[in-house]
């Protein structure tokens, strides 16, 4: 995370400016900066949730392979033995 303040002037286009105005008019945020901050945090949460879903899906697929006997299992002791060779 950045410890300093970053100041930016951006042009996001008319449709987004109108969406920001509607959000402020509805009282969900007090100003444009609040809208942008909330949007960035919501986007970050969405990305994190998607990453977790993908990891869960991958683990589920791998567990299915293990339970079906398609993936051989190796004990921790065997892994340690192989590493220390």
PDB file of N, CA and C in Angstrom:
ATOM      1  N   UNK A   1       0.840  -1.177   0.000  1.00  0.00           N
ATOM      2  CA  UNK A   1       0.000   0.000   0.000  1.00  0.00           C
ATOM      3  C   UNK A   1       0.886   1.241   0.000  1.00  0.00           C
ATOM      4  N   UNK A   2       0.460   2.243  -0.648  1.00  0.00           N
ATOM      5  CA  UNK A   2       1.220   3.482  -0.801  1.00  0.00           C
ATOM      6  C   UNK A   2       1.034   4.357   0.435  1.00  0.00           C
ATOM      7  N   UNK A   3       2.131   4.905   0.940  1.00  0.00           N
ATOM      8  CA  UNK A   3       2.020   5.760   2.129  1.00  0.00           C
ATOM      9  C   UNK A   3       1.803   7.222   1.773  1.00  0.00           C
ATOM     10  N   UNK A   4       2.140   7.605   0.540  1.00  0.00           N
ATOM     11  CA  UNK A   4       1.969   8.984   0.117  1.00  0.00           C
ATOM     12  C   UNK A   4       0.633   9.203  -0.561  1.00  0.00           C
ATOM     13  N   UNK A   5       0.330  10.453  -0.805  1.00  0.00           N
ATOM     14  CA  UNK A   5      -0.906  10.813  -1.479  1.00  0.00           C
ATOM     15  C   UNK A   5      -0.614  10.956  -2.965  1.00  0.00           C
ATOM     16  N   UNK A   6      -1.419  10.319  -3.779  1.00  0.00           N
ATOM     17  CA  UNK A   6      -1.288  10.431  -5.223  1.00  0.00           C
ATOM     18  C   UNK A   6      -2.456  11.271  -5.721  1.00  0.00           C
ATOM     19  N   UNK A   7      -2.148  12.318  -6.437  1.00  0.00           N
ATOM     20  CA  UNK A   7      -3.184  13.182  -6.985  1.00  0.00           C
ATOM     21  C   UNK A   7      -3.246  12.960  -8.485  1.00  0.00           C
ATOM     22  N   UNK A   8      -4.463  12.763  -9.005  1.00  0.00           N
ATOM     23  CA  UNK A   8      -4.635  12.506 -10.431  1.00  0.00           C
ATOM     24  C   UNK A   8      -5.778  13.332 -10.985  1.00  0.00           C
ATOM     25  N   UNK A   9      -5.599  13.796 -12.176  1.00  0.00           N
ATOM     26  CA  UNK A   9      -6.691  14.379 -12.945  1.00  0.00           C
ATOM     27  C   UNK A   9      -6.987  13.406 -14.063  1.00  0.00           C
ATOM     28  N   UNK A  10      -8.210  12.876 -14.086  1.00  0.00           N
ATOM     29  CA  UNK A  10      -8.546  11.894 -15.109  1.00  0.00           C
ATOM     30  C   UNK A  10      -9.810  12.308 -15.841  1.00  0.00           C
ATOM     31  N   UNK A  11      -9.904  11.892 -17.087  1.00  0.00           N
ATOM     32  CA  UNK A  11     -11.104  12.116 -17.883  1.00  0.00           C
ATOM     33  C   UNK A  11     -11.749  10.755 -18.086  1.00  0.00           C
ATOM     34  N   UNK A  12     -12.879  10.516 -17.443  1.00  0.00           N
ATOM     35  CA  UNK A  12     -13.493   9.194 -17.512  1.00  0.00           C
ATOM     36  C   UNK A  12     -14.621   9.116 -18.528  1.00  0.00           C
ATOM     37  N   UNK A  13     -15.039  10.214 -19.063  1.00  0.00           N
ATOM     38  CA  UNK A  13     -16.081  10.205 -20.087  1.00  0.00           C
ATOM     39  C   UNK A  13     -17.461  10.476 -19.522  1.00  0.00           C
ATOM     40  N   UNK A  14     -18.302  10.958 -20.387  1.00  0.00           N
ATOM     41  CA  UNK A  14     -19.641  11.405 -20.006  1.00  0.00           C
ATOM     42  C   UNK A  14     -20.497  10.351 -19.316  1.00  0.00           C
ATOM     43  N   UNK A  15     -20.583   9.109 -19.820  1.00  0.00           N
ATOM     44  CA  UNK A  15     -21.460   8.133 -19.139  1.00  0.00           C
ATOM     45  C   UNK A  15     -21.055   7.892 -17.683  1.00  0.00           C
ATOM     46  N   UNK A  16     -19.744   7.855 -17.436  1.00  0.00           N
ATOM     47  CA  UNK A  16     -19.265   7.618 -16.080  1.00  0.00           C
ATOM     48  C   UNK A  16     -19.469   8.847 -15.206  1.00  0.00           C
ATOM     49  N   UNK A  17     -19.281  10.024 -15.789  1.00  0.00           N
ATOM     50  CA  UNK A  17     -19.541  11.257 -15.040  1.00  0.00           C
ATOM     51  C   UNK A  17     -21.004  11.329 -14.628  1.00  0.00           C
ATOM     52  N   UNK A  18     -21.901  10.918 -15.522  1.00  0.00           N
ATOM     53  CA  UNK A  18     -23.335  10.917 -15.199  1.00  0.00           C
ATOM     54  C   UNK A  18     -23.653   9.887 -14.120  1.00  0.00           C
ATOM     55  N   UNK A  19     -23.006   8.740 -14.186  1.00  0.00           N
ATOM     56  CA  UNK A  19     -23.218   7.722 -13.153  1.00  0.00           C
ATOM     57  C   UNK A  19     -22.749   8.237 -11.795  1.00  0.00           C
ATOM     58  N   UNK A  20     -21.605   8.901 -11.776  1.00  0.00           N
ATOM     59  CA  UNK A  20     -21.095   9.484 -10.529  1.00  0.00           C
ATOM     60  C   UNK A  20     -22.079  10.512  -9.989  1.00  0.00           C
ATOM     61  N   UNK A  21     -22.592  11.344 -10.847  1.00  0.00           N
ATOM     62  CA  UNK A  21     -23.554  12.370 -10.427  1.00  0.00           C
ATOM     63  C   UNK A  21     -24.804  11.712  -9.835  1.00  0.00           C
ATOM     64  N   UNK A  22     -25.312  10.646 -10.468  1.00  0.00           N
ATOM     65  CA  UNK A  22     -26.504   9.951  -9.948  1.00  0.00           C
ATOM     66  C   UNK A  22     -26.233   9.359  -8.567  1.00  0.00           C
ATOM     67  N   UNK A  23     -25.051   8.785  -8.388  1.00  0.00           N
ATOM     68  CA  UNK A  23     -24.695   8.193  -7.095  1.00  0.00           C
ATOM     69  C   UNK A  23     -24.658   9.269  -6.016  1.00  0.00           C
ATOM     70  N   UNK A  24     -24.086  10.416  -6.339  1.00  0.00           N
ATOM     71  CA  UNK A  24     -24.033  11.529  -5.378  1.00  0.00           C
ATOM     72  C   UNK A  24     -25.437  12.053  -5.103  1.00  0.00           C
ATOM     73  N   UNK A  25     -26.240  12.216  -6.161  1.00  0.00           N
ATOM     74  CA  UNK A  25     -27.608  12.723  -6.000  1.00  0.00           C
ATOM     75  C   UNK A  25     -28.462  11.801  -5.133  1.00  0.00           C
ATOM     76  N   UNK A  26     -28.213  10.490  -5.200  1.00  0.00           N
ATOM     77  CA  UNK A  26     -28.960   9.536  -4.388  1.00  0.00           C
ATOM     78  C   UNK A  26     -28.459   9.495  -2.936  1.00  0.00           C
ATOM     79  N   UNK A  27     -27.350  10.165  -2.674  1.00  0.00           N
ATOM     80  CA  UNK A  27     -26.835  10.232  -1.314  1.00  0.00           C
ATOM     81  C   UNK A  27     -25.912   9.090  -0.925  1.00  0.00           C
ATOM     82  N   UNK A  28     -25.476   8.294  -1.889  1.00  0.00           N
ATOM     83  CA  UNK A  28     -24.568   7.184  -1.574  1.00  0.00           C
ATOM     84  C   UNK A  28     -23.143   7.657  -1.325  1.00  0.00           C
ATOM     85  N   UNK A  29     -22.806   8.839  -1.796  1.00  0.00           N
ATOM     86  CA  UNK A  29     -21.492   9.424  -1.573  1.00  0.00           C
ATOM     87  C   UNK A  29     -21.649  10.939  -1.557  1.00  0.00           C
ATOM     88  N   UNK A  30     -20.711  11.604  -0.902  1.00  0.00           N
ATOM     89  CA  UNK A  30     -20.810  13.039  -0.785  1.00  0.00           C
ATOM     90  C   UNK A  30     -20.166  13.811  -1.920  1.00  0.00           C
ATOM     91  N   UNK A  31     -19.214  13.170  -2.588  1.00  0.00           N
ATOM     92  CA  UNK A  31     -18.532  13.851  -3.678  1.00  0.00           C
ATOM     93  C   UNK A  31     -17.924  12.837  -4.643  1.00  0.00           C
ATOM     94  N   UNK A  32     -17.315  13.342  -5.700  1.00  0.00           N
ATOM     95  CA  UNK A  32     -16.755  12.480  -6.737  1.00  0.00           C
ATOM     96  C   UNK A  32     -15.633  11.597  -6.204  1.00  0.00           C
ATOM     97  N   UNK A  33     -14.815  12.143  -5.337  1.00  0.00           N
ATOM     98  CA  UNK A  33     -13.706  11.373  -4.773  1.00  0.00           C
ATOM     99  C   UNK A  33     -14.219  10.170  -3.999  1.00  0.00           C
ATOM    100  N   UNK A  34     -15.260  10.370  -3.197  1.00  0.00           N
ATOM    101  CA  UNK A  34     -15.843   9.248  -2.439  1.00  0.00           C
ATOM    102  C   UNK A  34     -16.370   8.173  -3.375  1.00  0.00           C
ATOM    103  N   UNK A  35     -17.016   8.586  -4.456  1.00  0.00           N
ATOM    104  CA  UNK A  35     -17.543   7.609  -5.422  1.00  0.00           C
ATOM    105  C   UNK A  35     -16.410   6.779  -6.003  1.00  0.00           C
ATOM    106  N   UNK A  36     -15.353   7.439  -6.435  1.00  0.00           N
ATOM    107  CA  UNK A  36     -14.215   6.736  -7.035  1.00  0.00           C
ATOM    108  C   UNK A  36     -13.561   5.804  -6.017  1.00  0.00           C
ATOM    109  N   UNK A  37     -13.381   6.278  -4.786  1.00  0.00           N
ATOM    110  CA  UNK A  37     -12.780   5.425  -3.752  1.00  0.00           C
ATOM    111  C   UNK A  37     -13.628   4.186  -3.498  1.00  0.00           C
ATOM    112  N   UNK A  38     -14.946   4.384  -3.359  1.00  0.00           N
ATOM    113  CA  UNK A  38     -15.838   3.254  -3.130  1.00  0.00           C
ATOM    114  C   UNK A  38     -15.812   2.280  -4.304  1.00  0.00           C
ATOM    115  N   UNK A  39     -15.766   2.819  -5.517  1.00  0.00           N
ATOM    116  CA  UNK A  39     -15.744   1.967  -6.707  1.00  0.00           C
ATOM    117  C   UNK A  39     -14.467   1.140  -6.759  1.00  0.00           C
ATOM    118  N   UNK A  40     -13.335   1.756  -6.424  1.00  0.00           N
ATOM    119  CA  UNK A  40     -12.066   1.030  -6.447  1.00  0.00           C
ATOM    120  C   UNK A  40     -12.067  -0.075  -5.397  1.00  0.00           C
ATOM    121  N   UNK A  41     -12.546   0.229  -4.189  1.00  0.00           N
ATOM    122  CA  UNK A  41     -12.606  -0.799  -3.144  1.00  0.00           C
ATOM    123  C   UNK A  41     -13.553  -1.936  -3.527  1.00  0.00           C
ATOM    124  N   UNK A  42     -14.700  -1.597  -4.135  1.00  0.00           N
ATOM    125  CA  UNK A  42     -15.644  -2.627  -4.570  1.00  0.00           C
ATOM    126  C   UNK A  42     -15.018  -3.492  -5.657  1.00  0.00           C
ATOM    127  N   UNK A  43     -14.279  -2.876  -6.567  1.00  0.00           N
ATOM    128  CA  UNK A  43     -13.614  -3.623  -7.636  1.00  0.00           C
ATOM    129  C   UNK A  43     -12.545  -4.544  -7.057  1.00  0.00           C
ATOM    130  N   UNK A  44     -11.808  -4.049  -6.085  1.00  0.00           N
ATOM    131  CA  UNK A  44     -10.789  -4.869  -5.435  1.00  0.00           C
ATOM    132  C   UNK A  44     -11.415  -6.081  -4.746  1.00  0.00           C
ATOM    133  N   UNK A  45     -12.541  -5.865  -4.043  1.00  0.00           N
ATOM    134  CA  UNK A  45     -13.250  -6.987  -3.393  1.00  0.00           C
ATOM    135  C   UNK A  45     -13.736  -7.994  -4.426  1.00  0.00           C
ATOM    136  N   UNK A  46     -14.254  -7.498  -5.546  1.00  0.00           N
ATOM    137  CA  UNK A  46     -14.744  -8.376  -6.597  1.00  0.00           C
ATOM    138  C   UNK A  46     -13.609  -9.248  -7.153  1.00  0.00           C
ATOM    139  N   UNK A  47     -12.437  -8.648  -7.367  1.00  0.00           N
ATOM    140  CA  UNK A  47     -11.289  -9.397  -7.867  1.00  0.00           C
ATOM    141  C   UNK A  47     -10.873 -10.459  -6.853  1.00  0.00           C
ATOM    142  N   UNK A  48     -10.815 -10.098  -5.578  1.00  0.00           N
ATOM    143  CA  UNK A  48     -10.440 -11.053  -4.537  1.00  0.00           C
ATOM    144  C   UNK A  48     -11.426 -12.214  -4.467  1.00  0.00           C
ATOM    145  N   UNK A  49     -12.716 -11.920  -4.578  1.00  0.00           N
ATOM    146  CA  UNK A  49     -13.732 -12.975  -4.561  1.00  0.00           C
ATOM    147  C   UNK A  49     -13.582 -13.894  -5.765  1.00  0.00           C
ATOM    148  N   UNK A  50     -13.289 -13.324  -6.923  1.00  0.00           N
ATOM    149  CA  UNK A  50     -13.096 -14.138  -8.118  1.00  0.00           C
ATOM    150  C   UNK A  50     -11.867 -15.027  -7.976  1.00  0.00           C
ATOM    151  N   UNK A  51     -10.785 -14.486  -7.416  1.00  0.00           N
ATOM    152  CA  UNK A  51      -9.582 -15.285  -7.195  1.00  0.00           C
ATOM    153  C   UNK A  51      -9.874 -16.451  -6.249  1.00  0.00           C
ATOM    154  N   UNK A  52     -10.609 -16.176  -5.170  1.00  0.00           N
ATOM    155  CA  UNK A  52     -10.964 -17.247  -4.229  1.00  0.00           C
ATOM    156  C   UNK A  52     -11.825 -18.311  -4.889  1.00  0.00           C
ATOM    157  N   UNK A  53     -12.770 -17.870  -5.731  1.00  0.00           N
ATOM    158  CA  UNK A  53     -13.623 -18.820  -6.428  1.00  0.00           C
ATOM    159  C   UNK A  53     -12.795 -19.711  -7.355  1.00  0.00           C
ATOM    160  N   UNK A  54     -11.818 -19.122  -8.053  1.00  0.00           N
ATOM    161  CA  UNK A  54     -10.977 -19.897  -8.963  1.00  0.00           C
ATOM    162  C   UNK A  54     -10.099 -20.888  -8.204  1.00  0.00           C
ATOM    163  N   UNK A  55      -9.557 -20.460  -7.058  1.00  0.00           N
ATOM    164  CA  UNK A  55      -8.761 -21.373  -6.235  1.00  0.00           C
ATOM    165  C   UNK A  55      -9.635 -22.512  -5.739  1.00  0.00           C
ATOM    166  N   UNK A  56     -10.830 -22.191  -5.258  1.00  0.00           N
ATOM    167  CA  UNK A  56     -11.752 -23.219  -4.773  1.00  0.00           C
ATOM    168  C   UNK A  56     -12.090 -24.205  -5.887  1.00  0.00           C
ATOM    169  N   UNK A  57     -12.345 -23.680  -7.079  1.00  0.00           N
ATOM    170  CA  UNK A  57     -12.664 -24.547  -8.213  1.00  0.00           C
ATOM    171  C   UNK A  57     -11.491 -25.468  -8.534  1.00  0.00           C
ATOM    172  N   UNK A  58     -10.266 -24.918  -8.530  1.00  0.00           N
ATOM    173  CA  UNK A  58      -9.081 -25.733  -8.805  1.00  0.00           C
ATOM    174  C   UNK A  58      -8.879 -26.815  -7.768  1.00  0.00           C
ATOM    175  N   UNK A  59      -9.055 -26.456  -6.493  1.00  0.00           N
ATOM    176  CA  UNK A  59      -8.910 -27.437  -5.419  1.00  0.00           C
ATOM    177  C   UNK A  59      -9.983 -28.518  -5.548  1.00  0.00           C
ATOM    178  N   UNK A  60     -11.198 -28.126  -5.884  1.00  0.00           N
ATOM    179  CA  UNK A  60     -12.279 -29.106  -6.042  1.00  0.00           C
ATOM    180  C   UNK A  60     -11.969 -30.081  -7.174  1.00  0.00           C
ATOM    181  N   UNK A  61     -11.448 -29.571  -8.270  1.00  0.00           N
ATOM    182  CA  UNK A  61     -11.095 -30.440  -9.402  1.00  0.00           C
ATOM    183  C   UNK A  61      -9.992 -31.405  -8.993  1.00  0.00           C
ATOM    184  N   UNK A  62      -8.971 -30.892  -8.328  1.00  0.00           N
ATOM    185  CA  UNK A  62      -7.862 -31.746  -7.895  1.00  0.00           C
ATOM    186  C   UNK A  62      -8.321 -32.795  -6.887  1.00  0.00           C
ATOM    187  N   UNK A  63      -9.199 -32.390  -5.947  1.00  0.00           N
ATOM    188  CA  UNK A  63      -9.708 -33.370  -4.976  1.00  0.00           C
ATOM    189  C   UNK A  63     -10.524 -34.447  -5.669  1.00  0.00           C
ATOM    190  N   UNK A  64     -11.270 -34.068  -6.689  1.00  0.00           N
ATOM    191  CA  UNK A  64     -12.015 -35.057  -7.472  1.00  0.00           C
ATOM    192  C   UNK A  64     -11.080 -36.058  -8.118  1.00  0.00           C
ATOM    193  N   UNK A  65      -9.953 -35.564  -8.637  1.00  0.00           N
ATOM    194  CA  UNK A  65      -8.952 -36.450  -9.244  1.00  0.00           C
ATOM    195  C   UNK A  65      -8.352 -37.394  -8.195  1.00  0.00           C
ATOM    196  N   UNK A  66      -8.056 -36.859  -7.027  1.00  0.00           N
ATOM    197  CA  UNK A  66      -7.483 -37.678  -5.951  1.00  0.00           C
ATOM    198  C   UNK A  66      -8.481 -38.742  -5.520  1.00  0.00           C
ATOM    199  N   UNK A  67      -9.723 -38.330  -5.274  1.00  0.00           N
ATOM    200  CA  UNK A  67     -10.740 -39.284  -4.806  1.00  0.00           C
ATOM    201  C   UNK A  67     -11.066 -40.330  -5.853  1.00  0.00           C
ATOM    202  N   UNK A  68     -10.915 -39.999  -7.123  1.00  0.00           N
ATOM    203  CA  UNK A  68     -11.171 -40.962  -8.195  1.00  0.00           C
ATOM    204  C   UNK A  68      -9.971 -41.879  -8.431  1.00  0.00           C
ATOM    205  N   UNK A  69      -8.884 -41.625  -7.700  1.00  0.00           N
ATOM    206  CA  UNK A  69      -7.697 -42.458  -7.847  1.00  0.00           C
ATOM    207  C   UNK A  69      -6.860 -42.107  -9.068  1.00  0.00           C
ATOM    208  N   UNK A  70      -7.106 -40.983  -9.679  1.00  0.00           N
ATOM    209  CA  UNK A  70      -6.368 -40.580 -10.879  1.00  0.00           C
ATOM    210  C   UNK A  70      -5.069 -39.858 -10.556  1.00  0.00           C
ATOM    211  N   UNK A  71      -4.940 -39.393  -9.316  1.00  0.00           N
ATOM    212  CA  UNK A  71      -3.737 -38.682  -8.898  1.00  0.00           C
ATOM    213  C   UNK A  71      -3.117 -39.436  -7.736  1.00  0.00           C
ATOM    214  N   UNK A  72      -1.870 -39.864  -7.899  1.00  0.00           N
ATOM    215  CA  UNK A  72      -1.246 -40.600  -6.791  1.00  0.00           C
ATOM    216  C   UNK A  72      -0.960 -39.680  -5.616  1.00  0.00           C
ATOM    217  N   UNK A  73      -1.077 -40.236  -4.421  1.00  0.00           N
ATOM    218  CA  UNK A  73      -0.804 -39.471  -3.207  1.00  0.00           C
ATOM    219  C   UNK A  73       0.602 -39.786  -2.718  1.00  0.00           C
ATOM    220  N   UNK A  74       1.243 -38.785  -2.131  1.00  0.00           N
ATOM    221  CA  UNK A  74       2.574 -38.954  -1.563  1.00  0.00           C
ATOM    222  C   UNK A  74       2.522 -38.451  -0.131  1.00  0.00           C
ATOM    223  N   UNK A  75       3.028 -39.276   0.777  1.00  0.00           N
ATOM    224  CA  UNK A  75       3.015 -38.878   2.186  1.00  0.00           C
ATOM    225  C   UNK A  75       4.030 -37.775   2.435  1.00  0.00           C
ATOM    226  N   UNK A  76       3.827 -37.051   3.516  1.00  0.00           N
ATOM    227  CA  UNK A  76       4.751 -35.992   3.893  1.00  0.00           C
ATOM    228  C   UNK A  76       6.135 -36.569   4.162  1.00  0.00           C
ATOM    229  N   UNK A  77       6.179 -37.738   4.785  1.00  0.00           N
ATOM    230  CA  UNK A  77       7.468 -38.383   5.049  1.00  0.00           C
ATOM    231  C   UNK A  77       8.199 -38.687   3.741  1.00  0.00           C
ATOM    232  N   UNK A  78       7.473 -39.142   2.736  1.00  0.00           N
ATOM    233  CA  UNK A  78       8.081 -39.447   1.436  1.00  0.00           C
ATOM    234  C   UNK A  78       8.605 -38.167   0.772  1.00  0.00           C
ATOM    235  N   UNK A  79       7.842 -37.088   0.868  1.00  0.00           N
ATOM    236  CA  UNK A  79       8.298 -35.814   0.301  1.00  0.00           C
ATOM    237  C   UNK A  79       9.571 -35.360   1.002  1.00  0.00           C
ATOM    238  N   UNK A  80       9.589 -35.444   2.321  1.00  0.00           N
ATOM    239  CA  UNK A  80      10.794 -35.056   3.074  1.00  0.00           C
ATOM    240  C   UNK A  80      12.002 -35.907   2.665  1.00  0.00           C
ATOM    241  N   UNK A  81      11.762 -37.195   2.481  1.00  0.00           N
ATOM    242  CA  UNK A  81      12.847 -38.098   2.087  1.00  0.00           C
ATOM    243  C   UNK A  81      13.377 -37.703   0.710  1.00  0.00           C
ATOM    244  N   UNK A  82      12.486 -37.384  -0.199  1.00  0.00           N
ATOM    245  CA  UNK A  82      12.908 -37.009  -1.550  1.00  0.00           C
ATOM    246  C   UNK A  82      13.662 -35.677  -1.558  1.00  0.00           C
ATOM    247  N   UNK A  83      13.255 -34.753  -0.703  1.00  0.00           N
ATOM    248  CA  UNK A  83      13.900 -33.432  -0.650  1.00  0.00           C
ATOM    249  C   UNK A  83      15.311 -33.537  -0.081  1.00  0.00           C
ATOM    250  N   UNK A  84      15.501 -34.390   0.894  1.00  0.00           N
ATOM    251  CA  UNK A  84      16.791 -34.457   1.577  1.00  0.00           C
ATOM    252  C   UNK A  84      17.798 -35.340   0.861  1.00  0.00           C
ATOM    253  N   UNK A  85      17.447 -35.912  -0.260  1.00  0.00           N
ATOM    254  CA  UNK A  85      18.386 -36.745  -1.016  1.00  0.00           C
ATOM    255  C   UNK A  85      19.520 -35.947  -1.555  1.00  0.00           C
TER     256      UNK A  85
END
